[in-house]
C-alpha atoms as a PDB file:
ATOM      1  CA  MET A   1     176.746 172.190  26.022  1.00  0.00           C
ATOM      2  CA  ARG A   2     178.502 169.219  27.636  1.00  0.00           C
ATOM      3  CA  THR A   3     176.863 167.901  30.702  1.00  0.00           C
ATOM      4  CA  GLY A   4     179.218 166.436  33.482  1.00  0.00           C
ATOM      5  CA  LEU A   5     180.095 162.879  32.695  1.00  0.00           C
ATOM      6  CA  ASN A   6     179.823 161.437  36.359  1.00  0.00           C
ATOM      7  CA  HIS A   7     176.332 160.137  36.142  1.00  0.00           C
ATOM      8  CA  VAL A   8     174.537 157.054  34.948  1.00  0.00           C
ATOM      9  CA  HIS A   9     170.895 156.472  33.658  1.00  0.00           C
ATOM     10  CA  GLY A  10     168.504 153.604  34.566  1.00  0.00           C
ATOM     11  CA  PHE A  11     166.559 151.998  31.659  1.00  0.00           C
ATOM     12  CA  SER A  12     163.738 149.587  31.369  1.00  0.00           C
ATOM     13  CA  PHE A  13     162.330 148.417  27.825  1.00  0.00           C
ATOM     14  CA  VAL A  14     160.440 145.575  26.299  1.00  0.00           C
ATOM     15  CA  THR A  15     161.812 144.041  23.348  1.00  0.00           C
ATOM     16  CA  SER A  16     159.946 143.397  19.954  1.00  0.00           C
ATOM     17  CA  VAL A  17     157.823 140.183  19.798  1.00  0.00           C
ATOM     18  CA  ASN A  18     159.660 137.417  17.938  1.00  0.00           C
ATOM     19  CA  ASP A  19     159.069 133.681  17.975  1.00  0.00           C
ATOM     20  CA  GLN A  20     155.669 134.487  19.771  1.00  0.00           C
ATOM     21  CA  HIS A  21     157.284 136.310  22.939  1.00  0.00           C
ATOM     22  CA  SER A  22     159.167 139.229  23.930  1.00  0.00           C
ATOM     23  CA  HIS A  23     161.797 140.020  26.881  1.00  0.00           C
ATOM     24  CA  THR A  24     162.301 142.928  29.325  1.00  0.00           C
ATOM     25  CA  MET A  25     165.550 144.680  29.377  1.00  0.00           C
ATOM     26  CA  ALA A  26     166.406 146.577  32.563  1.00  0.00           C
ATOM     27  CA  GLY A  27     169.697 148.187  33.990  1.00  0.00           C
ATOM     28  CA  GLU A  28     172.121 150.911  34.426  1.00  0.00           C
ATOM     29  CA  THR A  29     174.251 152.728  31.970  1.00  0.00           C
ATOM     30  CA  SER A  30     178.128 153.317  32.529  1.00  0.00           C
ATOM     31  CA  LEU A  31     179.285 156.691  33.373  1.00  0.00           C
ATOM     32  CA  GLY A  32     179.234 159.334  30.655  1.00  0.00           C
ATOM     33  CA  VAL A  33     181.807 159.284  27.852  1.00  0.00           C
ATOM     34  CA  ALA A  34     182.629 162.556  25.951  1.00  0.00           C
ATOM     35  CA  TYR A  35     181.171 162.463  22.512  1.00  0.00           C
ATOM     36  CA  GLY A  36     181.676 165.751  20.444  1.00  0.00           C
ATOM     37  CA  VAL A  37     179.875 168.578  22.236  1.00  0.00           C
ATOM     38  CA  SER A  38     177.843 165.953  24.197  1.00  0.00           C
ATOM     39  CA  HIS A  39     178.253 162.602  25.659  1.00  0.00           C
ATOM     40  CA  VAL A  40     177.010 158.981  25.522  1.00  0.00           C
ATOM     41  CA  HIS A  41     176.914 155.935  27.854  1.00  0.00           C
ATOM     42  CA  CYS A  42     177.665 152.190  27.372  1.00  0.00           C
ATOM     43  CA  TYR A  43     175.346 149.650  28.518  1.00  0.00           C
ATOM     44  CA  LYS A  44     175.080 145.815  28.548  1.00  0.00           C
ATOM     45  CA  GLY A  45     173.038 143.062  30.255  1.00  0.00           C
ATOM     46  CA  THR A  46     170.860 139.977  29.936  1.00  0.00           C
ATOM     47  CA  THR A  47     167.170 140.119  29.208  1.00  0.00           C
ATOM     48  CA  SER A  48     164.423 138.626  31.300  1.00  0.00           C
ATOM     49  CA  TRP A  49     163.994 134.622  31.222  1.00  0.00           C
ATOM     50  CA  ASN A  50     161.174 133.833  28.896  1.00  0.00           C
ATOM     51  CA  ARG A  51     160.314 130.624  26.938  1.00  0.00           C
ATOM     52  CA  GLY A  52     163.303 128.958  28.492  1.00  0.00           C
ATOM     53  CA  HIS A  53     166.172 131.360  27.598  1.00  0.00           C
ATOM     54  CA  VAL A  54     167.638 134.855  27.774  1.00  0.00           C
ATOM     55  CA  HIS A  55     169.401 137.056  25.247  1.00  0.00           C
ATOM     56  CA  TYR A  56     172.571 139.269  25.860  1.00  0.00           C
ATOM     57  CA  TYR A  57     172.723 142.736  24.697  1.00  0.00           C
ATOM     58  CA  SER A  58     175.154 145.687  24.743  1.00  0.00           C
ATOM     59  CA  GLY A  59     175.572 148.978  23.134  1.00  0.00           C
ATOM     60  CA  ILE A  60     176.232 152.752  23.034  1.00  0.00           C
ATOM     61  CA  THR A  61     173.471 155.222  23.685  1.00  0.00           C
ATOM     62  CA  GLY A  62     172.744 158.182  21.331  1.00  0.00           C
ATOM     63  CA  PRO A  63     173.912 161.627  22.477  1.00  0.00           C
ATOM     64  CA  ALA A  64     172.010 163.510  25.330  1.00  0.00           C
ATOM     65  CA  VAL A  65     168.622 164.849  24.458  1.00  0.00           C
ATOM     66  CA  TYR A  66     167.827 167.758  26.753  1.00  0.00           C
ATOM     67  CA  LEU A  67     164.471 168.154  28.425  1.00  0.00           C
ATOM     68  CA  ALA A  68     162.746 171.439  29.370  1.00  0.00           C
ATOM     69  CA  ASP A  69     163.637 170.998  32.978  1.00  0.00           C
ATOM     70  CA  GLY A  70     167.394 170.870  32.336  1.00  0.00           C
ATOM     71  CA  SER A  71     167.789 167.046  32.546  1.00  0.00           C
ATOM     72  CA  HIS A  72     168.414 164.903  29.724  1.00  0.00           C
ATOM     73  CA  VAL A  73     167.785 161.275  28.283  1.00  0.00           C
ATOM     74  CA  HIS A  74     169.502 158.976  25.849  1.00  0.00           C
ATOM     75  CA  CYS A  75     168.037 156.813  23.104  1.00  0.00           C
ATOM     76  CA  HIS A  76     168.901 153.106  23.128  1.00  0.00           C
ATOM     77  CA  ARG A  77     168.552 151.040  19.836  1.00  0.00           C
ATOM     78  CA  GLY A  78     169.769 147.722  18.725  1.00  0.00           C
ATOM     79  CA  THR A  79     169.240 143.955  18.616  1.00  0.00           C
ATOM     80  CA  THR A  80     169.828 141.434  21.160  1.00  0.00           C
ATOM     81  CA  ALA A  81     172.386 138.567  20.574  1.00  0.00           C
ATOM     82  CA  MET A  82     170.806 135.417  18.828  1.00  0.00           C
ATOM     83  CA  GLU A  83     169.467 132.702  20.901  1.00  0.00           C
ATOM     84  CA  TYR A  84     167.178 129.741  19.917  1.00  0.00           C
ATOM     85  CA  ASN A  85     167.526 130.923  16.246  1.00  0.00           C
ATOM     86  CA  HIS A  86     166.117 134.234  16.946  1.00  0.00           C
ATOM     87  CA  SER A  87     166.908 137.809  18.348  1.00  0.00           C
ATOM     88  CA  HIS A  88     164.830 140.731  19.432  1.00  0.00           C
ATOM     89  CA  TYR A  89     165.011 144.558  18.446  1.00  0.00           C
ATOM     90  CA  TYR A  90     164.768 147.118  21.059  1.00  0.00           C
ATOM     91  CA  CYS A  91     164.318 150.860  20.982  1.00  0.00           C
ATOM     92  CA  GLY A  92     163.604 153.149  23.987  1.00  0.00           C
ATOM     93  CA  THR A  93     164.772 156.096  26.111  1.00  0.00           C
ATOM     94  CA  ASP A  94     166.429 155.848  29.389  1.00  0.00           C
ATOM     95  CA  TYR A  95     165.267 157.715  32.717  1.00  0.00           C
ATOM     96  CA  PRO A  96     166.171 161.341  32.940  1.00  0.00           C
ATOM     97  CA  SER A  97     169.510 162.313  34.673  1.00  0.00           C
ATOM     98  CA  CYS A  98     169.463 163.809  38.159  1.00  0.00           C
END
């Protein structure tokens, strides 16, 4: 079942701990992009400032995961860009669609 593509999702995650710290990632996805019988979203941004630096990130969500109430979420998974000789892994689920 394909959901309409004219929607976005908010997200907020905390990265893995590396070099004795983590970062927060928060933002909003792009509008949906058809993907097979489902859809995905693109996202990009900059982490929170911590220990004198930020990390850039970008990616494409996984396909929609439908919830019992008819809304859906997407999984985000990846690694931030390298800064100060390290990067951070992240994995999380965005907020349900309206």
